Amino acid sequence: MPTSFELTPMMMREVIMDHYSNPRHKSTPSGDGYVSIHASSTNCIDDFDVYLKKENGKVADALWNGVSCTISGASTDILCDQLIGKNDEEAHYLIKQYLNMIEEKEFDDSVLDEAIVFMNTGKQAARIHCATMGWTAMDEILYKEEK
């Protein structure tokens, strides 16, 4: 019988702080084959680059580096974690579901994994841009790479 649990605000904060304090994908790429885009905000300290490397039609690596607030840093780090191994269709679908969640629209939570911790961000207007910067930047890279 499946076990269910409630994701508490404390649990969500812990995941966010863990990815902000100990980012898994915060670095500048050292090899070839990466494409990048710059993301910044006029309302926050956010000023970073996101990097994407694809091989054999799938995301081989995703990184980010620069200055970020807690929300943008954690959300971008979680995104990078989740993009690796996905093809373009899966990556776009993941990003679309996340953005739908932030915009408080209907979304598929089955693909969001740790990104679900940002489910209440849409209620905090000042945090929406921070929570979506890395996601929209990566989506833009994916679309550019497809052309």
C-alpha atoms as a PDB file:
ATOM      1  CA  MET A   1       0.000   0.000   0.000  1.00  0.00           C
ATOM      2  CA  PRO A   2       1.471   3.381  -1.010  1.00  0.00           C
ATOM      3  CA  THR A   3       2.429   5.756   1.720  1.00  0.00           C
ATOM      4  CA  SER A   4       1.614   9.413   1.395  1.00  0.00           C
ATOM      5  CA  PHE A   5       2.991  12.331   3.318  1.00  0.00           C
ATOM      6  CA  GLU A   6       2.359  16.017   3.520  1.00  0.00           C
ATOM      7  CA  LEU A   7       5.087  18.350   2.324  1.00  0.00           C
ATOM      8  CA  THR A   8       5.320  20.827   5.180  1.00  0.00           C
ATOM      9  CA  PRO A   9       6.603  24.405   4.914  1.00  0.00           C
ATOM     10  CA  MET A  10       9.606  23.383   7.041  1.00  0.00           C
ATOM     11  CA  MET A  11      10.469  20.560   4.623  1.00  0.00           C
ATOM     12  CA  MET A  12      10.169  22.935   1.662  1.00  0.00           C
ATOM     13  CA  ARG A  13      12.475  25.469   3.329  1.00  0.00           C
ATOM     14  CA  GLU A  14      15.020  22.723   4.047  1.00  0.00           C
ATOM     15  CA  VAL A  15      15.156  21.637   0.389  1.00  0.00           C
ATOM     16  CA  ILE A  16      15.455  25.245  -0.786  1.00  0.00           C
ATOM     17  CA  MET A  17      18.194  26.074   1.721  1.00  0.00           C
ATOM     18  CA  ASP A  18      20.072  22.874   0.916  1.00  0.00           C
ATOM     19  CA  HIS A  19      20.212  23.685  -2.812  1.00  0.00           C
ATOM     20  CA  TYR A  20      21.147  27.297  -2.085  1.00  0.00           C
ATOM     21  CA  SER A  21      23.844  26.493   0.502  1.00  0.00           C
ATOM     22  CA  ASN A  22      25.186  23.390  -1.256  1.00  0.00           C
ATOM     23  CA  PRO A  23      24.432  23.798  -4.963  1.00  0.00           C
ATOM     24  CA  ARG A  24      25.195  20.720  -7.030  1.00  0.00           C
ATOM     25  CA  HIS A  25      25.402  22.502 -10.388  1.00  0.00           C
ATOM     26  CA  LYS A  26      26.930  25.908  -9.620  1.00  0.00           C
ATOM     27  CA  SER A  27      30.079  26.175 -11.719  1.00  0.00           C
ATOM     28  CA  THR A  28      31.400  27.436 -14.994  1.00  0.00           C
ATOM     29  CA  PRO A  29      31.858  24.682 -17.568  1.00  0.00           C
ATOM     30  CA  SER A  30      35.409  23.653 -18.323  1.00  0.00           C
ATOM     31  CA  GLY A  31      34.811  21.725 -21.535  1.00  0.00           C
ATOM     32  CA  ASP A  32      33.480  22.436 -24.987  1.00  0.00           C
ATOM     33  CA  GLY A  33      29.955  22.097 -26.320  1.00  0.00           C
ATOM     34  CA  TYR A  34      28.112  24.304 -23.831  1.00  0.00           C
ATOM     35  CA  VAL A  35      25.722  27.054 -24.814  1.00  0.00           C
ATOM     36  CA  SER A  36      24.871  29.784 -22.361  1.00  0.00           C
ATOM     37  CA  ILE A  37      22.583  32.669 -21.699  1.00  0.00           C
ATOM     38  CA  HIS A  38      22.728  35.457 -19.142  1.00  0.00           C
ATOM     39  CA  ALA A  39      19.925  36.078 -16.663  1.00  0.00           C
ATOM     40  CA  SER A  40      19.631  39.095 -14.395  1.00  0.00           C
ATOM     41  CA  SER A  41      17.102  41.051 -12.409  1.00  0.00           C
ATOM     42  CA  THR A  42      16.606  44.742 -11.768  1.00  0.00           C
ATOM     43  CA  ASN A  43      14.678  43.979  -8.563  1.00  0.00           C
ATOM     44  CA  CYS A  44      17.069  41.542  -6.894  1.00  0.00           C
ATOM     45  CA  ILE A  45      20.783  40.668  -6.736  1.00  0.00           C
ATOM     46  CA  ASP A  46      20.356  37.949  -9.349  1.00  0.00           C
ATOM     47  CA  ASP A  47      23.005  38.089 -12.046  1.00  0.00           C
ATOM     48  CA  PHE A  48      24.059  34.709 -13.407  1.00  0.00           C
ATOM     49  CA  ASP A  49      24.649  32.584 -16.481  1.00  0.00           C
ATOM     50  CA  VAL A  50      23.063  29.229 -17.236  1.00  0.00           C
ATOM     51  CA  TYR A  51      24.875  26.630 -19.333  1.00  0.00           C
ATOM     52  CA  LEU A  52      23.539  23.659 -21.236  1.00  0.00           C
ATOM     53  CA  LYS A  53      25.337  20.839 -23.023  1.00  0.00           C
ATOM     54  CA  LYS A  54      23.508  18.328 -25.176  1.00  0.00           C
ATOM     55  CA  GLU A  55      24.779  15.031 -26.533  1.00  0.00           C
ATOM     56  CA  ASN A  56      22.867  12.448 -28.571  1.00  0.00           C
ATOM     57  CA  GLY A  57      19.646  14.471 -28.356  1.00  0.00           C
ATOM     58  CA  LYS A  58      19.636  14.693 -24.553  1.00  0.00           C
ATOM     59  CA  VAL A  59      20.838  17.129 -21.932  1.00  0.00           C
ATOM     60  CA  ALA A  60      24.283  15.895 -20.919  1.00  0.00           C
ATOM     61  CA  ASP A  61      24.973  18.687 -18.428  1.00  0.00           C
ATOM     62  CA  ALA A  62      23.318  21.793 -17.019  1.00  0.00           C
ATOM     63  CA  LEU A  63      25.124  24.365 -14.903  1.00  0.00           C
ATOM     64  CA  TRP A  64      24.722  27.878 -13.609  1.00  0.00           C
ATOM     65  CA  ASN A  65      27.110  30.383 -12.064  1.00  0.00           C
ATOM     66  CA  GLY A  66      26.963  33.890 -10.682  1.00  0.00           C
ATOM     67  CA  VAL A  67      25.198  35.787  -7.931  1.00  0.00           C
ATOM     68  CA  SER A  68      21.722  34.766  -6.819  1.00  0.00           C
ATOM     69  CA  CYS A  69      19.211  35.174  -4.068  1.00  0.00           C
ATOM     70  CA  THR A  70      18.085  32.052  -2.239  1.00  0.00           C
ATOM     71  CA  ILE A  71      15.037  31.462  -4.434  1.00  0.00           C
ATOM     72  CA  SER A  72      16.702  31.912  -7.831  1.00  0.00           C
ATOM     73  CA  GLY A  73      19.794  29.949  -6.832  1.00  0.00           C
ATOM     74  CA  ALA A  74      17.898  27.007  -5.383  1.00  0.00           C
ATOM     75  CA  SER A  75      15.323  26.845  -8.162  1.00  0.00           C
ATOM     76  CA  THR A  76      17.981  27.004 -10.894  1.00  0.00           C
ATOM     77  CA  ASP A  77      20.074  24.346  -9.160  1.00  0.00           C
ATOM     78  CA  ILE A  78      17.056  22.038  -8.875  1.00  0.00           C
ATOM     79  CA  LEU A  79      16.270  22.668 -12.549  1.00  0.00           C
ATOM     80  CA  CYS A  80      19.799  21.709 -13.603  1.00  0.00           C
ATOM     81  CA  ASP A  81      19.521  18.516 -11.589  1.00  0.00           C
ATOM     82  CA  GLN A  82      16.258  17.586 -13.259  1.00  0.00           C
ATOM     83  CA  LEU A  83      17.222  18.471 -16.847  1.00  0.00           C
ATOM     84  CA  ILE A  84      20.150  16.060 -17.132  1.00  0.00           C
ATOM     85  CA  GLY A  85      19.181  13.046 -19.213  1.00  0.00           C
ATOM     86  CA  LYS A  86      16.055  14.613 -20.713  1.00  0.00           C
ATOM     87  CA  ASN A  87      15.394  15.126 -24.410  1.00  0.00           C
ATOM     88  CA  ASP A  88      13.988  18.439 -25.700  1.00  0.00           C
ATOM     89  CA  GLU A  89      10.352  17.382 -25.400  1.00  0.00           C
ATOM     90  CA  GLU A  90      10.774  16.175 -21.810  1.00  0.00           C
ATOM     91  CA  ALA A  91      12.763  19.281 -20.850  1.00  0.00           C
ATOM     92  CA  HIS A  92      10.165  21.678 -22.302  1.00  0.00           C
ATOM     93  CA  TYR A  93       7.384  19.729 -20.595  1.00  0.00           C
ATOM     94  CA  LEU A  94       9.161  19.913 -17.226  1.00  0.00           C
ATOM     95  CA  ILE A  95       9.727  23.656 -17.583  1.00  0.00           C
ATOM     96  CA  LYS A  96       6.122  24.259 -18.708  1.00  0.00           C
ATOM     97  CA  GLN A  97       4.741  22.360 -15.716  1.00  0.00           C
ATOM     98  CA  TYR A  98       6.951  24.304 -13.314  1.00  0.00           C
ATOM     99  CA  LEU A  99       5.936  27.646 -14.827  1.00  0.00           C
ATOM    100  CA  ASN A 100       2.268  26.604 -14.710  1.00  0.00           C
ATOM    101  CA  MET A 101       2.686  25.784 -11.021  1.00  0.00           C
ATOM    102  CA  ILE A 102       4.288  29.172 -10.317  1.00  0.00           C
ATOM    103  CA  GLU A 103       1.511  30.930 -12.271  1.00  0.00           C
ATOM    104  CA  GLU A 104      -1.045  28.940 -10.240  1.00  0.00           C
ATOM    105  CA  LYS A 105      -2.377  27.174 -13.323  1.00  0.00           C
ATOM    106  CA  GLU A 106      -3.096  23.473 -13.686  1.00  0.00           C
ATOM    107  CA  PHE A 107       0.154  21.472 -13.709  1.00  0.00           C
ATOM    108  CA  ASP A 108       1.496  17.924 -13.701  1.00  0.00           C
ATOM    109  CA  ASP A 109       3.231  17.489 -10.368  1.00  0.00           C
ATOM    110  CA  SER A 110       4.496  14.015 -11.291  1.00  0.00           C
ATOM    111  CA  VAL A 111       7.429  15.501 -13.243  1.00  0.00           C
ATOM    112  CA  LEU A 112       8.482  18.216 -10.793  1.00  0.00           C
ATOM    113  CA  ASP A 113      10.310  16.184  -8.145  1.00  0.00           C
ATOM    114  CA  GLU A 114      12.068  18.628  -5.765  1.00  0.00           C
ATOM    115  CA  ALA A 115      10.845  21.645  -7.751  1.00  0.00           C
ATOM    116  CA  ILE A 116       7.469  21.118  -6.059  1.00  0.00           C
ATOM    117  CA  VAL A 117       8.905  22.993  -3.051  1.00  0.00           C
ATOM    118  CA  PHE A 118       8.214  26.226  -4.947  1.00  0.00           C
ATOM    119  CA  MET A 119       4.482  25.527  -5.181  1.00  0.00           C
ATOM    120  CA  ASN A 120       3.537  28.510  -2.991  1.00  0.00           C
ATOM    121  CA  THR A 121       5.804  30.981  -4.772  1.00  0.00           C
ATOM    122  CA  GLY A 122       2.988  32.248  -6.991  1.00  0.00           C
ATOM    123  CA  LYS A 123       1.373  33.726  -3.892  1.00  0.00           C
ATOM    124  CA  GLN A 124       4.477  35.878  -3.341  1.00  0.00           C
ATOM    125  CA  ALA A 125       4.581  38.293  -6.271  1.00  0.00           C
ATOM    126  CA  ALA A 126       8.065  39.568  -5.418  1.00  0.00           C
ATOM    127  CA  ARG A 127       9.468  36.022  -5.627  1.00  0.00           C
ATOM    128  CA  ILE A 128       7.953  34.930  -8.946  1.00  0.00           C
ATOM    129  CA  HIS A 129      10.709  36.402 -11.114  1.00  0.00           C
ATOM    130  CA  CYS A 130      13.405  34.940  -8.851  1.00  0.00           C
ATOM    131  CA  ALA A 131      11.820  31.480  -9.019  1.00  0.00           C
ATOM    132  CA  THR A 132      11.504  31.507 -12.810  1.00  0.00           C
ATOM    133  CA  MET A 133      14.677  33.251 -14.066  1.00  0.00           C
ATOM    134  CA  GLY A 134      16.810  30.157 -14.507  1.00  0.00           C
ATOM    135  CA  TRP A 135      13.877  28.155 -15.870  1.00  0.00           C
ATOM    136  CA  THR A 136      12.966  30.650 -18.578  1.00  0.00           C
ATOM    137  CA  ALA A 137      16.646  31.104 -19.489  1.00  0.00           C
ATOM    138  CA  MET A 138      17.119  27.337 -19.914  1.00  0.00           C
ATOM    139  CA  ASP A 139      13.928  27.127 -21.954  1.00  0.00           C
ATOM    140  CA  GLU A 140      15.299  29.848 -24.235  1.00  0.00           C
ATOM    141  CA  ILE A 141      18.563  27.911 -24.702  1.00  0.00           C
ATOM    142  CA  LEU A 142      16.634  24.746 -25.545  1.00  0.00           C
ATOM    143  CA  TYR A 143      14.564  26.556 -28.192  1.00  0.00           C
ATOM    144  CA  LYS A 144      17.672  28.173 -29.702  1.00  0.00           C
ATOM    145  CA  GLU A 145      19.419  24.807 -29.861  1.00  0.00           C
ATOM    146  CA  GLU A 146      16.463  23.283 -31.706  1.00  0.00           C
ATOM    147  CA  LYS A 147      16.724  25.833 -34.529  1.00  0.00           C
END
